[in-house]
């Protein structure tokens, strides 16, 4: 969680607000891959990417 807060501080300090959608995309895709890691849906998710 500290890495996420550090990234948010960096974005705010450097005024790089265009990075927020990219960070959100990375976090959501990572969460999706972690959630379907052991499920039956995993082979279908991996074929999408």
PDB file of N, CA and C in Angstrom:
ATOM      1  N   UNK A   1       0.822  -1.194   0.000  1.00  0.00           N
ATOM      2  CA  UNK A   1       0.000   0.000   0.000  1.00  0.00           C
ATOM      3  C   UNK A   1       0.866   1.258   0.000  1.00  0.00           C
ATOM      4  N   UNK A   2       2.069   1.160   0.538  1.00  0.00           N
ATOM      5  CA  UNK A   2       2.936   2.341   0.587  1.00  0.00           C
ATOM      6  C   UNK A   2       3.414   2.726  -0.814  1.00  0.00           C
ATOM      7  N   UNK A   3       3.577   1.743  -1.686  1.00  0.00           N
ATOM      8  CA  UNK A   3       3.992   2.053  -3.062  1.00  0.00           C
ATOM      9  C   UNK A   3       2.904   2.843  -3.769  1.00  0.00           C
ATOM     10  N   UNK A   4       1.659   2.456  -3.540  1.00  0.00           N
ATOM     11  CA  UNK A   4       0.536   3.166  -4.155  1.00  0.00           C
ATOM     12  C   UNK A   4       0.465   4.604  -3.667  1.00  0.00           C
ATOM     13  N   UNK A   5       0.636   4.799  -2.363  1.00  0.00           N
ATOM     14  CA  UNK A   5       0.615   6.159  -1.819  1.00  0.00           C
ATOM     15  C   UNK A   5       1.791   6.986  -2.335  1.00  0.00           C
ATOM     16  N   UNK A   6       2.941   6.351  -2.498  1.00  0.00           N
ATOM     17  CA  UNK A   6       4.103   7.054  -3.022  1.00  0.00           C
ATOM     18  C   UNK A   6       3.867   7.481  -4.473  1.00  0.00           C
ATOM     19  N   UNK A   7       3.239   6.627  -5.258  1.00  0.00           N
ATOM     20  CA  UNK A   7       2.911   6.993  -6.638  1.00  0.00           C
ATOM     21  C   UNK A   7       1.927   8.154  -6.684  1.00  0.00           C
ATOM     22  N   UNK A   8       0.937   8.137  -5.800  1.00  0.00           N
ATOM     23  CA  UNK A   8      -0.015   9.246  -5.756  1.00  0.00           C
ATOM     24  C   UNK A   8       0.657  10.555  -5.353  1.00  0.00           C
ATOM     25  N   UNK A   9       1.575  10.490  -4.400  1.00  0.00           N
ATOM     26  CA  UNK A   9       2.316  11.698  -4.009  1.00  0.00           C
ATOM     27  C   UNK A   9       3.164  12.210  -5.161  1.00  0.00           C
ATOM     28  N   UNK A  10       3.789  11.301  -5.900  1.00  0.00           N
ATOM     29  CA  UNK A  10       4.593  11.694  -7.054  1.00  0.00           C
ATOM     30  C   UNK A  10       3.741  12.391  -8.111  1.00  0.00           C
ATOM     31  N   UNK A  11       2.577  11.801  -8.407  1.00  0.00           N
ATOM     32  CA  UNK A  11       1.679  12.386  -9.408  1.00  0.00           C
ATOM     33  C   UNK A  11       1.233  13.780  -8.969  1.00  0.00           C
ATOM     34  N   UNK A  12       0.922  13.926  -7.707  1.00  0.00           N
ATOM     35  CA  UNK A  12       0.454  15.223  -7.203  1.00  0.00           C
ATOM     36  C   UNK A  12       1.589  16.256  -7.173  1.00  0.00           C
ATOM     37  N   UNK A  13       2.775  15.847  -6.757  1.00  0.00           N
ATOM     38  CA  UNK A  13       3.893  16.783  -6.648  1.00  0.00           C
ATOM     39  C   UNK A  13       4.391  17.237  -8.012  1.00  0.00           C
ATOM     40  N   UNK A  14       4.432  16.325  -8.972  1.00  0.00           N
ATOM     41  CA  UNK A  14       4.958  16.643 -10.298  1.00  0.00           C
ATOM     42  C   UNK A  14       3.886  17.110 -11.280  1.00  0.00           C
ATOM     43  N   UNK A  15       2.632  17.128 -10.828  1.00  0.00           N
ATOM     44  CA  UNK A  15       1.494  17.552 -11.667  1.00  0.00           C
ATOM     45  C   UNK A  15       1.378  16.705 -12.936  1.00  0.00           C
ATOM     46  N   UNK A  16       1.575  15.409 -12.783  1.00  0.00           N
ATOM     47  CA  UNK A  16       1.463  14.487 -13.914  1.00  0.00           C
ATOM     48  C   UNK A  16       0.145  13.721 -13.813  1.00  0.00           C
ATOM     49  N   UNK A  17      -0.933  14.455 -13.947  1.00  0.00           N
ATOM     50  CA  UNK A  17      -2.261  13.869 -13.775  1.00  0.00           C
ATOM     51  C   UNK A  17      -2.643  12.923 -14.911  1.00  0.00           C
ATOM     52  N   UNK A  18      -1.931  12.975 -16.018  1.00  0.00           N
ATOM     53  CA  UNK A  18      -2.220  12.061 -17.124  1.00  0.00           C
ATOM     54  C   UNK A  18      -1.829  10.632 -16.768  1.00  0.00           C
ATOM     55  N   UNK A  19      -1.044  10.444 -15.704  1.00  0.00           N
ATOM     56  CA  UNK A  19      -0.629   9.103 -15.301  1.00  0.00           C
ATOM     57  C   UNK A  19      -1.705   8.358 -14.514  1.00  0.00           C
ATOM     58  N   UNK A  20      -2.700   9.061 -14.011  1.00  0.00           N
ATOM     59  CA  UNK A  20      -3.727   8.435 -13.173  1.00  0.00           C
ATOM     60  C   UNK A  20      -4.500   7.336 -13.928  1.00  0.00           C
ATOM     61  N   UNK A  21      -4.959   7.562 -15.163  1.00  0.00           N
ATOM     62  CA  UNK A  21      -5.650   6.458 -15.864  1.00  0.00           C
ATOM     63  C   UNK A  21      -4.746   5.254 -16.132  1.00  0.00           C
ATOM     64  N   UNK A  22      -3.467   5.496 -16.387  1.00  0.00           N
ATOM     65  CA  UNK A  22      -2.533   4.394 -16.622  1.00  0.00           C
ATOM     66  C   UNK A  22      -2.350   3.581 -15.349  1.00  0.00           C
ATOM     67  N   UNK A  23      -2.190   4.256 -14.223  1.00  0.00           N
ATOM     68  CA  UNK A  23      -2.049   3.555 -12.948  1.00  0.00           C
ATOM     69  C   UNK A  23      -3.309   2.767 -12.615  1.00  0.00           C
ATOM     70  N   UNK A  24      -4.471   3.358 -12.874  1.00  0.00           N
ATOM     71  CA  UNK A  24      -5.730   2.661 -12.624  1.00  0.00           C
ATOM     72  C   UNK A  24      -5.841   1.410 -13.497  1.00  0.00           C
ATOM     73  N   UNK A  25      -5.429   1.512 -14.747  1.00  0.00           N
ATOM     74  CA  UNK A  25      -5.469   0.364 -15.649  1.00  0.00           C
ATOM     75  C   UNK A  25      -4.557  -0.748 -15.162  1.00  0.00           C
ATOM     76  N   UNK A  26      -3.335  -0.406 -14.750  1.00  0.00           N
ATOM     77  CA  UNK A  26      -2.405  -1.413 -14.253  1.00  0.00           C
ATOM     78  C   UNK A  26      -2.932  -2.097 -12.997  1.00  0.00           C
ATOM     79  N   UNK A  27      -3.491  -1.326 -12.088  1.00  0.00           N
ATOM     80  CA  UNK A  27      -4.022  -1.903 -10.842  1.00  0.00           C
ATOM     81  C   UNK A  27      -5.221  -2.797 -11.131  1.00  0.00           C
ATOM     82  N   UNK A  28      -6.111  -2.368 -12.014  1.00  0.00           N
ATOM     83  CA  UNK A  28      -7.298  -3.182 -12.305  1.00  0.00           C
ATOM     84  C   UNK A  28      -6.941  -4.466 -13.053  1.00  0.00           C
ATOM     85  N   UNK A  29      -6.012  -4.399 -13.993  1.00  0.00           N
ATOM     86  CA  UNK A  29      -5.601  -5.624 -14.696  1.00  0.00           C
ATOM     87  C   UNK A  29      -4.862  -6.574 -13.765  1.00  0.00           C
ATOM     88  N   UNK A  30      -4.026  -6.036 -12.900  1.00  0.00           N
ATOM     89  CA  UNK A  30      -3.342  -6.884 -11.925  1.00  0.00           C
ATOM     90  C   UNK A  30      -4.314  -7.557 -10.984  1.00  0.00           C
ATOM     91  N   UNK A  31      -5.309  -6.813 -10.520  1.00  0.00           N
ATOM     92  CA  UNK A  31      -6.322  -7.396  -9.650  1.00  0.00           C
ATOM     93  C   UNK A  31      -7.134  -8.465 -10.353  1.00  0.00           C
ATOM     94  N   UNK A  32      -7.455  -8.228 -11.606  1.00  0.00           N
ATOM     95  CA  UNK A  32      -8.206  -9.219 -12.375  1.00  0.00           C
ATOM     96  C   UNK A  32      -7.408 -10.506 -12.532  1.00  0.00           C
ATOM     97  N   UNK A  33      -6.137 -10.389 -12.838  1.00  0.00           N
ATOM     98  CA  UNK A  33      -5.309 -11.584 -13.005  1.00  0.00           C
ATOM     99  C   UNK A  33      -5.135 -12.343 -11.686  1.00  0.00           C
ATOM    100  N   UNK A  34      -5.050 -11.631 -10.589  1.00  0.00           N
ATOM    101  CA  UNK A  34      -4.925 -12.296  -9.287  1.00  0.00           C
ATOM    102  C   UNK A  34      -6.224 -13.006  -8.921  1.00  0.00           C
ATOM    103  N   UNK A  35      -7.360 -12.382  -9.210  1.00  0.00           N
ATOM    104  CA  UNK A  35      -8.648 -12.988  -8.849  1.00  0.00           C
ATOM    105  C   UNK A  35      -8.954 -14.245  -9.646  1.00  0.00           C
ATOM    106  N   UNK A  36      -8.573 -14.280 -10.912  1.00  0.00           N
ATOM    107  CA  UNK A  36      -8.919 -15.439 -11.743  1.00  0.00           C
ATOM    108  C   UNK A  36      -7.781 -16.440 -11.844  1.00  0.00           C
ATOM    109  N   UNK A  37      -6.764 -16.284 -11.026  1.00  0.00           N
ATOM    110  CA  UNK A  37      -5.588 -17.150 -11.109  1.00  0.00           C
ATOM    111  C   UNK A  37      -5.952 -18.627 -10.962  1.00  0.00           C
ATOM    112  N   UNK A  38      -6.769 -18.958  -9.999  1.00  0.00           N
ATOM    113  CA  UNK A  38      -7.077 -20.356  -9.751  1.00  0.00           C
ATOM    114  C   UNK A  38      -8.463 -20.779 -10.198  1.00  0.00           C
ATOM    115  N   UNK A  39      -9.124 -19.950 -10.977  1.00  0.00           N
ATOM    116  CA  UNK A  39     -10.496 -20.293 -11.337  1.00  0.00           C
ATOM    117  C   UNK A  39     -10.560 -20.957 -12.711  1.00  0.00           C
ATOM    118  N   UNK A  40     -11.743 -21.406 -13.046  1.00  0.00           N
ATOM    119  CA  UNK A  40     -11.978 -22.048 -14.335  1.00  0.00           C
ATOM    120  C   UNK A  40     -11.955 -21.024 -15.470  1.00  0.00           C
ATOM    121  N   UNK A  41     -12.190 -19.775 -15.146  1.00  0.00           N
ATOM    122  CA  UNK A  41     -12.269 -18.714 -16.148  1.00  0.00           C
ATOM    123  C   UNK A  41     -10.875 -18.281 -16.620  1.00  0.00           C
ATOM    124  N   UNK A  42      -9.829 -18.657 -15.902  1.00  0.00           N
ATOM    125  CA  UNK A  42      -8.474 -18.188 -16.185  1.00  0.00           C
ATOM    126  C   UNK A  42      -8.031 -18.401 -17.635  1.00  0.00           C
ATOM    127  N   UNK A  43      -8.228 -19.564 -18.244  1.00  0.00           N
ATOM    128  CA  UNK A  43      -7.786 -19.714 -19.636  1.00  0.00           C
ATOM    129  C   UNK A  43      -8.487 -18.750 -20.608  1.00  0.00           C
ATOM    130  N   UNK A  44      -9.721 -18.401 -20.323  1.00  0.00           N
ATOM    131  CA  UNK A  44     -10.441 -17.479 -21.201  1.00  0.00           C
ATOM    132  C   UNK A  44      -9.947 -16.050 -21.034  1.00  0.00           C
ATOM    133  N   UNK A  45      -9.616 -15.662 -19.801  1.00  0.00           N
ATOM    134  CA  UNK A  45      -9.088 -14.328 -19.548  1.00  0.00           C
ATOM    135  C   UNK A  45      -7.722 -14.173 -20.204  1.00  0.00           C
ATOM    136  N   UNK A  46      -6.872 -15.184 -20.118  1.00  0.00           N
ATOM    137  CA  UNK A  46      -5.541 -15.092 -20.698  1.00  0.00           C
ATOM    138  C   UNK A  46      -5.591 -15.017 -22.215  1.00  0.00           C
ATOM    139  N   UNK A  47      -6.599 -15.612 -22.844  1.00  0.00           N
ATOM    140  CA  UNK A  47      -6.685 -15.513 -24.305  1.00  0.00           C
ATOM    141  C   UNK A  47      -7.117 -14.120 -24.761  1.00  0.00           C
ATOM    142  N   UNK A  48      -7.790 -13.368 -23.904  1.00  0.00           N
ATOM    143  CA  UNK A  48      -8.185 -12.007 -24.260  1.00  0.00           C
ATOM    144  C   UNK A  48      -6.958 -11.125 -24.383  1.00  0.00           C
ATOM    145  N   UNK A  49      -6.007 -11.300 -23.485  1.00  0.00           N
ATOM    146  CA  UNK A  49      -4.812 -10.470 -23.492  1.00  0.00           C
ATOM    147  C   UNK A  49      -3.726 -11.107 -24.291  1.00  0.00           C
TER     148      UNK A  49
END
